[in-house]
Amino acid sequence: MTIEAIKDEIEHLSPEGKAALAAWIVEQDLTSWDEQMSADFSPGGAGMALLEAVDAEFRDGRVRPMEEVLADLGLHVEDETTSPNA
């Protein structure tokens, strides 16, 4: 079946059918994303070098609290407890 044939069939679905299909597609996408992230950040995965670099920065004391970094940049982040929208 071609993509065009699938599109044609989708056009004939009821609104409820389209909603169910959309929900299924989102679930498939989320599952695929989760599987890829799990593979990337498992031993030997593509993301392991990044994790190892971040771990080394923590071990070597090269990581500072975000509040300090933002203060150095002249920025201030409101704490959730002091925010007027909290």
PDB file of N, CA and C in Angstrom:
ATOM      1  N   MET A   1       0.854  -1.181   0.000  1.00  0.00           N
ATOM      2  CA  MET A   1       0.000   0.000   0.000  1.00  0.00           C
ATOM      3  C   MET A   1       0.894   1.238   0.000  1.00  0.00           C
ATOM      4  N   THR A   2       0.547   2.201  -0.793  1.00  0.00           N
ATOM      5  CA  THR A   2       1.336   3.421  -0.891  1.00  0.00           C
ATOM      6  C   THR A   2       0.892   4.440   0.165  1.00  0.00           C
ATOM      7  N   ILE A   3       1.735   5.428   0.406  1.00  0.00           N
ATOM      8  CA  ILE A   3       1.393   6.514   1.318  1.00  0.00           C
ATOM      9  C   ILE A   3       0.148   7.244   0.804  1.00  0.00           C
ATOM     10  N   GLU A   4       0.072   7.453  -0.493  1.00  0.00           N
ATOM     11  CA  GLU A   4      -1.098   8.134  -1.068  1.00  0.00           C
ATOM     12  C   GLU A   4      -2.370   7.344  -0.803  1.00  0.00           C
ATOM     13  N   ALA A   5      -2.313   6.029  -0.915  1.00  0.00           N
ATOM     14  CA  ALA A   5      -3.487   5.192  -0.651  1.00  0.00           C
ATOM     15  C   ALA A   5      -3.881   5.272   0.824  1.00  0.00           C
ATOM     16  N   ILE A   6      -2.889   5.304   1.696  1.00  0.00           N
ATOM     17  CA  ILE A   6      -3.163   5.431   3.125  1.00  0.00           C
ATOM     18  C   ILE A   6      -3.810   6.781   3.421  1.00  0.00           C
ATOM     19  N   LYS A   7      -3.267   7.838   2.827  1.00  0.00           N
ATOM     20  CA  LYS A   7      -3.844   9.175   3.007  1.00  0.00           C
ATOM     21  C   LYS A   7      -5.301   9.199   2.539  1.00  0.00           C
ATOM     22  N   ASP A   8      -5.550   8.573   1.416  1.00  0.00           N
ATOM     23  CA  ASP A   8      -6.916   8.534   0.881  1.00  0.00           C
ATOM     24  C   ASP A   8      -7.849   7.820   1.860  1.00  0.00           C
ATOM     25  N   GLU A   9      -7.397   6.720   2.416  1.00  0.00           N
ATOM     26  CA  GLU A   9      -8.214   5.987   3.386  1.00  0.00           C
ATOM     27  C   GLU A   9      -8.460   6.824   4.646  1.00  0.00           C
ATOM     28  N   ILE A  10      -7.444   7.536   5.092  1.00  0.00           N
ATOM     29  CA  ILE A  10      -7.579   8.371   6.289  1.00  0.00           C
ATOM     30  C   ILE A  10      -8.626   9.453   6.068  1.00  0.00           C
ATOM     31  N   GLU A  11      -8.665  10.016   4.866  1.00  0.00           N
ATOM     32  CA  GLU A  11      -9.657  11.047   4.562  1.00  0.00           C
ATOM     33  C   GLU A  11     -11.082  10.543   4.721  1.00  0.00           C
ATOM     34  N   HIS A  12     -11.277   9.243   4.605  1.00  0.00           N
ATOM     35  CA  HIS A  12     -12.618   8.667   4.719  1.00  0.00           C
ATOM     36  C   HIS A  12     -12.961   8.220   6.140  1.00  0.00           C
ATOM     37  N   LEU A  13     -12.046   8.373   7.061  1.00  0.00           N
ATOM     38  CA  LEU A  13     -12.335   8.003   8.448  1.00  0.00           C
ATOM     39  C   LEU A  13     -13.267   9.020   9.101  1.00  0.00           C
ATOM     40  N   SER A  14     -13.999   8.550  10.081  1.00  0.00           N
ATOM     41  CA  SER A  14     -14.830   9.460  10.881  1.00  0.00           C
ATOM     42  C   SER A  14     -13.904  10.310  11.745  1.00  0.00           C
ATOM     43  N   PRO A  15     -14.415  11.403  12.291  1.00  0.00           N
ATOM     44  CA  PRO A  15     -13.585  12.192  13.207  1.00  0.00           C
ATOM     45  C   PRO A  15     -13.051  11.352  14.372  1.00  0.00           C
ATOM     46  N   GLU A  16     -13.875  10.445  14.874  1.00  0.00           N
ATOM     47  CA  GLU A  16     -13.432   9.576  15.969  1.00  0.00           C
ATOM     48  C   GLU A  16     -12.326   8.631  15.499  1.00  0.00           C
ATOM     49  N   GLY A  17     -12.469   8.129  14.286  1.00  0.00           N
ATOM     50  CA  GLY A  17     -11.446   7.250  13.722  1.00  0.00           C
ATOM     51  C   GLY A  17     -10.132   7.981  13.514  1.00  0.00           C
ATOM     52  N   LYS A  18     -10.219   9.237  13.037  1.00  0.00           N
ATOM     53  CA  LYS A  18      -9.008  10.045  12.857  1.00  0.00           C
ATOM     54  C   LYS A  18      -8.341  10.321  14.201  1.00  0.00           C
ATOM     55  N   ALA A  19      -9.144  10.598  15.221  1.00  0.00           N
ATOM     56  CA  ALA A  19      -8.585  10.857  16.553  1.00  0.00           C
ATOM     57  C   ALA A  19      -7.893   9.608  17.092  1.00  0.00           C
ATOM     58  N   ALA A  20      -8.519   8.458  16.904  1.00  0.00           N
ATOM     59  CA  ALA A  20      -7.919   7.204  17.368  1.00  0.00           C
ATOM     60  C   ALA A  20      -6.621   6.922  16.624  1.00  0.00           C
ATOM     61  N   LEU A  21      -6.620   7.172  15.316  1.00  0.00           N
ATOM     62  CA  LEU A  21      -5.408   6.969  14.523  1.00  0.00           C
ATOM     63  C   LEU A  21      -4.307   7.915  14.966  1.00  0.00           C
ATOM     64  N   ALA A  22      -4.660   9.184  15.195  1.00  0.00           N
ATOM     65  CA  ALA A  22      -3.666  10.161  15.645  1.00  0.00           C
ATOM     66  C   ALA A  22      -3.075   9.745  16.985  1.00  0.00           C
ATOM     67  N   ALA A  23      -3.922   9.281  17.902  1.00  0.00           N
ATOM     68  CA  ALA A  23      -3.437   8.837  19.213  1.00  0.00           C
ATOM     69  C   ALA A  23      -2.495   7.644  19.054  1.00  0.00           C
ATOM     70  N   TRP A  24      -2.831   6.722  18.160  1.00  0.00           N
ATOM     71  CA  TRP A  24      -1.986   5.553  17.923  1.00  0.00           C
ATOM     72  C   TRP A  24      -0.640   5.974  17.340  1.00  0.00           C
ATOM     73  N   ILE A  25      -0.657   6.913  16.395  1.00  0.00           N
ATOM     74  CA  ILE A  25       0.593   7.384  15.789  1.00  0.00           C
ATOM     75  C   ILE A  25       1.471   8.060  16.836  1.00  0.00           C
ATOM     76  N   VAL A  26       0.876   8.879  17.697  1.00  0.00           N
ATOM     77  CA  VAL A  26       1.644   9.529  18.764  1.00  0.00           C
ATOM     78  C   VAL A  26       2.259   8.477  19.673  1.00  0.00           C
ATOM     79  N   GLU A  27       1.494   7.469  20.044  1.00  0.00           N
ATOM     80  CA  GLU A  27       2.012   6.402  20.915  1.00  0.00           C
ATOM     81  C   GLU A  27       3.169   5.668  20.239  1.00  0.00           C
ATOM     82  N   GLN A  28       3.034   5.390  18.944  1.00  0.00           N
ATOM     83  CA  GLN A  28       4.116   4.738  18.206  1.00  0.00           C
ATOM     84  C   GLN A  28       5.371   5.599  18.205  1.00  0.00           C
ATOM     85  N   ASP A  29       5.193   6.901  17.995  1.00  0.00           N
ATOM     86  CA  ASP A  29       6.318   7.826  17.965  1.00  0.00           C
ATOM     87  C   ASP A  29       7.002   7.894  19.326  1.00  0.00           C
ATOM     88  N   LEU A  30       6.202   7.980  20.397  1.00  0.00           N
ATOM     89  CA  LEU A  30       6.776   8.043  21.749  1.00  0.00           C
ATOM     90  C   LEU A  30       7.525   6.761  22.088  1.00  0.00           C
ATOM     91  N   THR A  31       6.962   5.633  21.709  1.00  0.00           N
ATOM     92  CA  THR A  31       7.630   4.350  21.962  1.00  0.00           C
ATOM     93  C   THR A  31       8.946   4.280  21.203  1.00  0.00           C
ATOM     94  N   SER A  32       8.936   4.713  19.962  1.00  0.00           N
ATOM     95  CA  SER A  32      10.155   4.711  19.152  1.00  0.00           C
ATOM     96  C   SER A  32      11.214   5.625  19.768  1.00  0.00           C
ATOM     97  N   TRP A  33      10.787   6.809  20.223  1.00  0.00           N
ATOM     98  CA  TRP A  33      11.700   7.764  20.867  1.00  0.00           C
ATOM     99  C   TRP A  33      12.307   7.135  22.124  1.00  0.00           C
ATOM    100  N   ASP A  34      11.465   6.532  22.959  1.00  0.00           N
ATOM    101  CA  ASP A  34      11.954   5.906  24.184  1.00  0.00           C
ATOM    102  C   ASP A  34      12.976   4.810  23.878  1.00  0.00           C
ATOM    103  N   GLU A  35      12.681   3.998  22.881  1.00  0.00           N
ATOM    104  CA  GLU A  35      13.598   2.928  22.505  1.00  0.00           C
ATOM    105  C   GLU A  35      14.926   3.483  22.014  1.00  0.00           C
ATOM    106  N   GLN A  36      14.882   4.553  21.224  1.00  0.00           N
ATOM    107  CA  GLN A  36      16.106   5.156  20.705  1.00  0.00           C
ATOM    108  C   GLN A  36      16.925   5.767  21.833  1.00  0.00           C
ATOM    109  N   MET A  37      16.273   6.479  22.745  1.00  0.00           N
ATOM    110  CA  MET A  37      16.986   7.077  23.877  1.00  0.00           C
ATOM    111  C   MET A  37      17.614   5.998  24.747  1.00  0.00           C
ATOM    112  N   SER A  38      16.885   4.941  24.992  1.00  0.00           N
ATOM    113  CA  SER A  38      17.407   3.836  25.789  1.00  0.00           C
ATOM    114  C   SER A  38      18.634   3.220  25.117  1.00  0.00           C
ATOM    115  N   ALA A  39      18.557   3.023  23.819  1.00  0.00           N
ATOM    116  CA  ALA A  39      19.694   2.459  23.088  1.00  0.00           C
ATOM    117  C   ALA A  39      20.880   3.418  23.093  1.00  0.00           C
ATOM    118  N   ASP A  40      20.611   4.713  22.899  1.00  0.00           N
ATOM    119  CA  ASP A  40      21.694   5.698  22.844  1.00  0.00           C
ATOM    120  C   ASP A  40      22.432   5.828  24.175  1.00  0.00           C
ATOM    121  N   PHE A  41      21.713   5.677  25.284  1.00  0.00           N
ATOM    122  CA  PHE A  41      22.334   5.893  26.581  1.00  0.00           C
ATOM    123  C   PHE A  41      22.555   4.601  27.358  1.00  0.00           C
ATOM    124  N   SER A  42      22.618   3.500  26.644  1.00  0.00           N
ATOM    125  CA  SER A  42      23.029   2.221  27.201  1.00  0.00           C
ATOM    126  C   SER A  42      24.511   2.039  26.896  1.00  0.00           C
ATOM    127  N   PRO A  43      25.184   1.154  27.626  1.00  0.00           N
ATOM    128  CA  PRO A  43      26.606   0.938  27.339  1.00  0.00           C
ATOM    129  C   PRO A  43      26.839   0.693  25.847  1.00  0.00           C
ATOM    130  N   GLY A  44      27.779   1.454  25.288  1.00  0.00           N
ATOM    131  CA  GLY A  44      28.100   1.343  23.872  1.00  0.00           C
ATOM    132  C   GLY A  44      27.230   2.199  22.972  1.00  0.00           C
ATOM    133  N   GLY A  45      26.229   2.870  23.545  1.00  0.00           N
ATOM    134  CA  GLY A  45      25.325   3.695  22.749  1.00  0.00           C
ATOM    135  C   GLY A  45      25.956   5.014  22.344  1.00  0.00           C
ATOM    136  N   ALA A  46      25.308   5.674  21.403  1.00  0.00           N
ATOM    137  CA  ALA A  46      25.829   6.930  20.855  1.00  0.00           C
ATOM    138  C   ALA A  46      25.933   8.041  21.888  1.00  0.00           C
ATOM    139  N   GLY A  47      25.111   8.006  22.939  1.00  0.00           N
ATOM    140  CA  GLY A  47      25.125   9.065  23.939  1.00  0.00           C
ATOM    141  C   GLY A  47      26.055   8.831  25.109  1.00  0.00           C
ATOM    142  N   MET A  48      26.707   7.690  25.141  1.00  0.00           N
ATOM    143  CA  MET A  48      27.559   7.371  26.289  1.00  0.00           C
ATOM    144  C   MET A  48      28.738   8.324  26.428  1.00  0.00           C
ATOM    145  N   ALA A  49      29.305   8.778  25.335  1.00  0.00           N
ATOM    146  CA  ALA A  49      30.434   9.715  25.418  1.00  0.00           C
ATOM    147  C   ALA A  49      29.989  11.002  26.104  1.00  0.00           C
ATOM    148  N   LEU A  50      28.798  11.463  25.801  1.00  0.00           N
ATOM    149  CA  LEU A  50      28.263  12.662  26.446  1.00  0.00           C
ATOM    150  C   LEU A  50      28.088  12.440  27.943  1.00  0.00           C
ATOM    151  N   LEU A  51      27.494  11.318  28.326  1.00  0.00           N
ATOM    152  CA  LEU A  51      27.317  11.022  29.747  1.00  0.00           C
ATOM    153  C   LEU A  51      28.649  10.935  30.470  1.00  0.00           C
ATOM    154  N   GLU A  52      29.625  10.314  29.838  1.00  0.00           N
ATOM    155  CA  GLU A  52      30.944  10.197  30.456  1.00  0.00           C
ATOM    156  C   GLU A  52      31.595  11.565  30.622  1.00  0.00           C
ATOM    157  N   ALA A  53      31.422  12.449  29.642  1.00  0.00           N
ATOM    158  CA  ALA A  53      31.988  13.799  29.736  1.00  0.00           C
ATOM    159  C   ALA A  53      31.324  14.587  30.858  1.00  0.00           C
ATOM    160  N   VAL A  54      30.012  14.470  30.988  1.00  0.00           N
ATOM    161  CA  VAL A  54      29.296  15.168  32.058  1.00  0.00           C
ATOM    162  C   VAL A  54      29.711  14.609  33.417  1.00  0.00           C
ATOM    163  N   ASP A  55      29.809  13.301  33.529  1.00  0.00           N
ATOM    164  CA  ASP A  55      30.257  12.688  34.783  1.00  0.00           C
ATOM    165  C   ASP A  55      31.648  13.189  35.166  1.00  0.00           C
ATOM    166  N   ALA A  56      32.546  13.306  34.193  1.00  0.00           N
ATOM    167  CA  ALA A  56      33.907  13.790  34.460  1.00  0.00           C
ATOM    168  C   ALA A  56      33.879  15.231  34.955  1.00  0.00           C
ATOM    169  N   GLU A  57      33.022  16.064  34.372  1.00  0.00           N
ATOM    170  CA  GLU A  57      32.922  17.445  34.820  1.00  0.00           C
ATOM    171  C   GLU A  57      32.438  17.521  36.266  1.00  0.00           C
ATOM    172  N   PHE A  58      31.486  16.689  36.630  1.00  0.00           N
ATOM    173  CA  PHE A  58      31.026  16.651  38.020  1.00  0.00           C
ATOM    174  C   PHE A  58      32.142  16.181  38.945  1.00  0.00           C
ATOM    175  N   ARG A  59      32.813  15.092  38.558  1.00  0.00           N
ATOM    176  CA  ARG A  59      33.897  14.545  39.390  1.00  0.00           C
ATOM    177  C   ARG A  59      35.008  15.560  39.604  1.00  0.00           C
ATOM    178  N   ASP A  60      35.326  16.332  38.560  1.00  0.00           N
ATOM    179  CA  ASP A  60      36.429  17.284  38.614  1.00  0.00           C
ATOM    180  C   ASP A  60      36.022  18.637  39.205  1.00  0.00           C
ATOM    181  N   GLY A  61      34.768  18.757  39.608  1.00  0.00           N
ATOM    182  CA  GLY A  61      34.303  19.998  40.217  1.00  0.00           C
ATOM    183  C   GLY A  61      34.156  21.146  39.242  1.00  0.00           C
ATOM    184  N   ARG A  62      33.971  20.848  37.963  1.00  0.00           N
ATOM    185  CA  ARG A  62      33.853  21.893  36.950  1.00  0.00           C
ATOM    186  C   ARG A  62      32.411  22.314  36.691  1.00  0.00           C
ATOM    187  N   VAL A  63      31.505  21.842  37.533  1.00  0.00           N
ATOM    188  CA  VAL A  63      30.094  22.170  37.359  1.00  0.00           C
ATOM    189  C   VAL A  63      29.680  23.110  38.484  1.00  0.00           C
ATOM    190  N   ARG A  64      29.004  24.187  38.113  1.00  0.00           N
ATOM    191  CA  ARG A  64      28.530  25.156  39.095  1.00  0.00           C
ATOM    192  C   ARG A  64      27.015  25.167  39.113  1.00  0.00           C
ATOM    193  N   PRO A  65      26.439  25.524  40.236  1.00  0.00           N
ATOM    194  CA  PRO A  65      24.970  25.628  40.274  1.00  0.00           C
ATOM    195  C   PRO A  65      24.474  26.643  39.247  1.00  0.00           C
ATOM    196  N   MET A  66      23.352  26.357  38.640  1.00  0.00           N
ATOM    197  CA  MET A  66      22.809  27.218  37.595  1.00  0.00           C
ATOM    198  C   MET A  66      22.590  28.639  38.103  1.00  0.00           C
ATOM    199  N   GLU A  67      22.184  28.786  39.357  1.00  0.00           N
ATOM    200  CA  GLU A  67      21.954  30.118  39.899  1.00  0.00           C
ATOM    201  C   GLU A  67      23.213  30.974  39.823  1.00  0.00           C
ATOM    202  N   GLU A  68      24.381  30.366  40.081  1.00  0.00           N
ATOM    203  CA  GLU A  68      25.649  31.098  40.002  1.00  0.00           C
ATOM    204  C   GLU A  68      25.952  31.526  38.568  1.00  0.00           C
ATOM    205  N   VAL A  69      25.748  30.621  37.643  1.00  0.00           N
ATOM    206  CA  VAL A  69      26.021  30.920  36.232  1.00  0.00           C
ATOM    207  C   VAL A  69      25.116  32.049  35.765  1.00  0.00           C
ATOM    208  N   LEU A  70      23.839  31.958  36.101  1.00  0.00           N
ATOM    209  CA  LEU A  70      22.895  33.000  35.698  1.00  0.00           C
ATOM    210  C   LEU A  70      23.233  34.334  36.350  1.00  0.00           C
ATOM    211  N   ALA A  71      23.639  34.305  37.627  1.00  0.00           N
ATOM    212  CA  ALA A  71      24.019  35.547  38.310  1.00  0.00           C
ATOM    213  C   ALA A  71      25.219  36.183  37.621  1.00  0.00           C
ATOM    214  N   ASP A  72      26.183  35.373  37.210  1.00  0.00           N
ATOM    215  CA  ASP A  72      27.345  35.899  36.487  1.00  0.00           C
ATOM    216  C   ASP A  72      26.938  36.571  35.184  1.00  0.00           C
ATOM    217  N   LEU A  73      25.839  36.113  34.614  1.00  0.00           N
ATOM    218  CA  LEU A  73      25.338  36.690  33.365  1.00  0.00           C
ATOM    219  C   LEU A  73      24.386  37.858  33.619  1.00  0.00           C
ATOM    220  N   GLY A  74      24.184  38.177  34.891  1.00  0.00           N
ATOM    221  CA  GLY A  74      23.287  39.269  35.239  1.00  0.00           C
ATOM    222  C   GLY A  74      21.823  38.899  35.174  1.00  0.00           C
ATOM    223  N   LEU A  75      21.556  37.604  35.222  1.00  0.00           N
ATOM    224  CA  LEU A  75      20.173  37.133  35.157  1.00  0.00           C
ATOM    225  C   LEU A  75      19.734  36.623  36.517  1.00  0.00           C
ATOM    226  N   HIS A  76      18.451  36.708  36.757  1.00  0.00           N
ATOM    227  CA  HIS A  76      17.894  36.218  38.012  1.00  0.00           C
ATOM    228  C   HIS A  76      16.695  35.345  37.686  1.00  0.00           C
ATOM    229  N   VAL A  77      16.647  34.173  38.274  1.00  0.00           N
ATOM    230  CA  VAL A  77      15.522  33.280  38.082  1.00  0.00           C
ATOM    231  C   VAL A  77      14.724  33.281  39.373  1.00  0.00           C
ATOM    232  N   GLU A  78      13.429  33.550  39.220  1.00  0.00           N
ATOM    233  CA  GLU A  78      12.565  33.553  40.414  1.00  0.00           C
ATOM    234  C   GLU A  78      12.360  32.138  40.901  1.00  0.00           C
ATOM    235  N   ASP A  79      12.443  32.010  42.181  1.00  0.00           N
ATOM    236  CA  ASP A  79      12.150  30.750  42.849  1.00  0.00           C
ATOM    237  C   ASP A  79      10.637  30.545  42.791  1.00  0.00           C
ATOM    238  N   GLU A  80      10.198  29.318  42.624  1.00  0.00           N
ATOM    239  CA  GLU A  80       8.759  29.043  42.506  1.00  0.00           C
ATOM    240  C   GLU A  80       7.976  29.551  43.704  1.00  0.00           C
ATOM    241  N   THR A  81       8.586  29.559  44.881  1.00  0.00           N
ATOM    242  CA  THR A  81       7.865  29.986  46.070  1.00  0.00           C
ATOM    243  C   THR A  81       7.721  31.499  46.152  1.00  0.00           C
ATOM    244  N   THR A  82       8.560  32.252  45.413  1.00  0.00           N
ATOM    245  CA  THR A  82       8.462  33.705  45.449  1.00  0.00           C
ATOM    246  C   THR A  82       7.830  34.288  44.195  1.00  0.00           C
ATOM    247  N   SER A  83       7.562  33.430  43.222  1.00  0.00           N
ATOM    248  CA  SER A  83       6.971  33.891  41.974  1.00  0.00           C
ATOM    249  C   SER A  83       5.527  34.314  42.210  1.00  0.00           C
ATOM    250  N   PRO A  84       5.099  35.434  41.626  1.00  0.00           N
ATOM    251  CA  PRO A  84       3.719  35.874  41.818  1.00  0.00           C
ATOM    252  C   PRO A  84       2.701  34.897  41.208  1.00  0.00           C
ATOM    253  N   ASN A  85       3.141  34.033  40.302  1.00  0.00           N
ATOM    254  CA  ASN A  85       2.226  33.067  39.686  1.00  0.00           C
ATOM    255  C   ASN A  85       2.205  31.740  40.409  1.00  0.00           C
ATOM    256  N   ALA A  86       2.951  31.609  41.502  1.00  0.00           N
ATOM    257  CA  ALA A  86       3.021  30.314  42.204  1.00  0.00           C
ATOM    258  C   ALA A  86       1.767  30.069  42.984  1.00  0.00           C
TER     259      ALA A  86
END
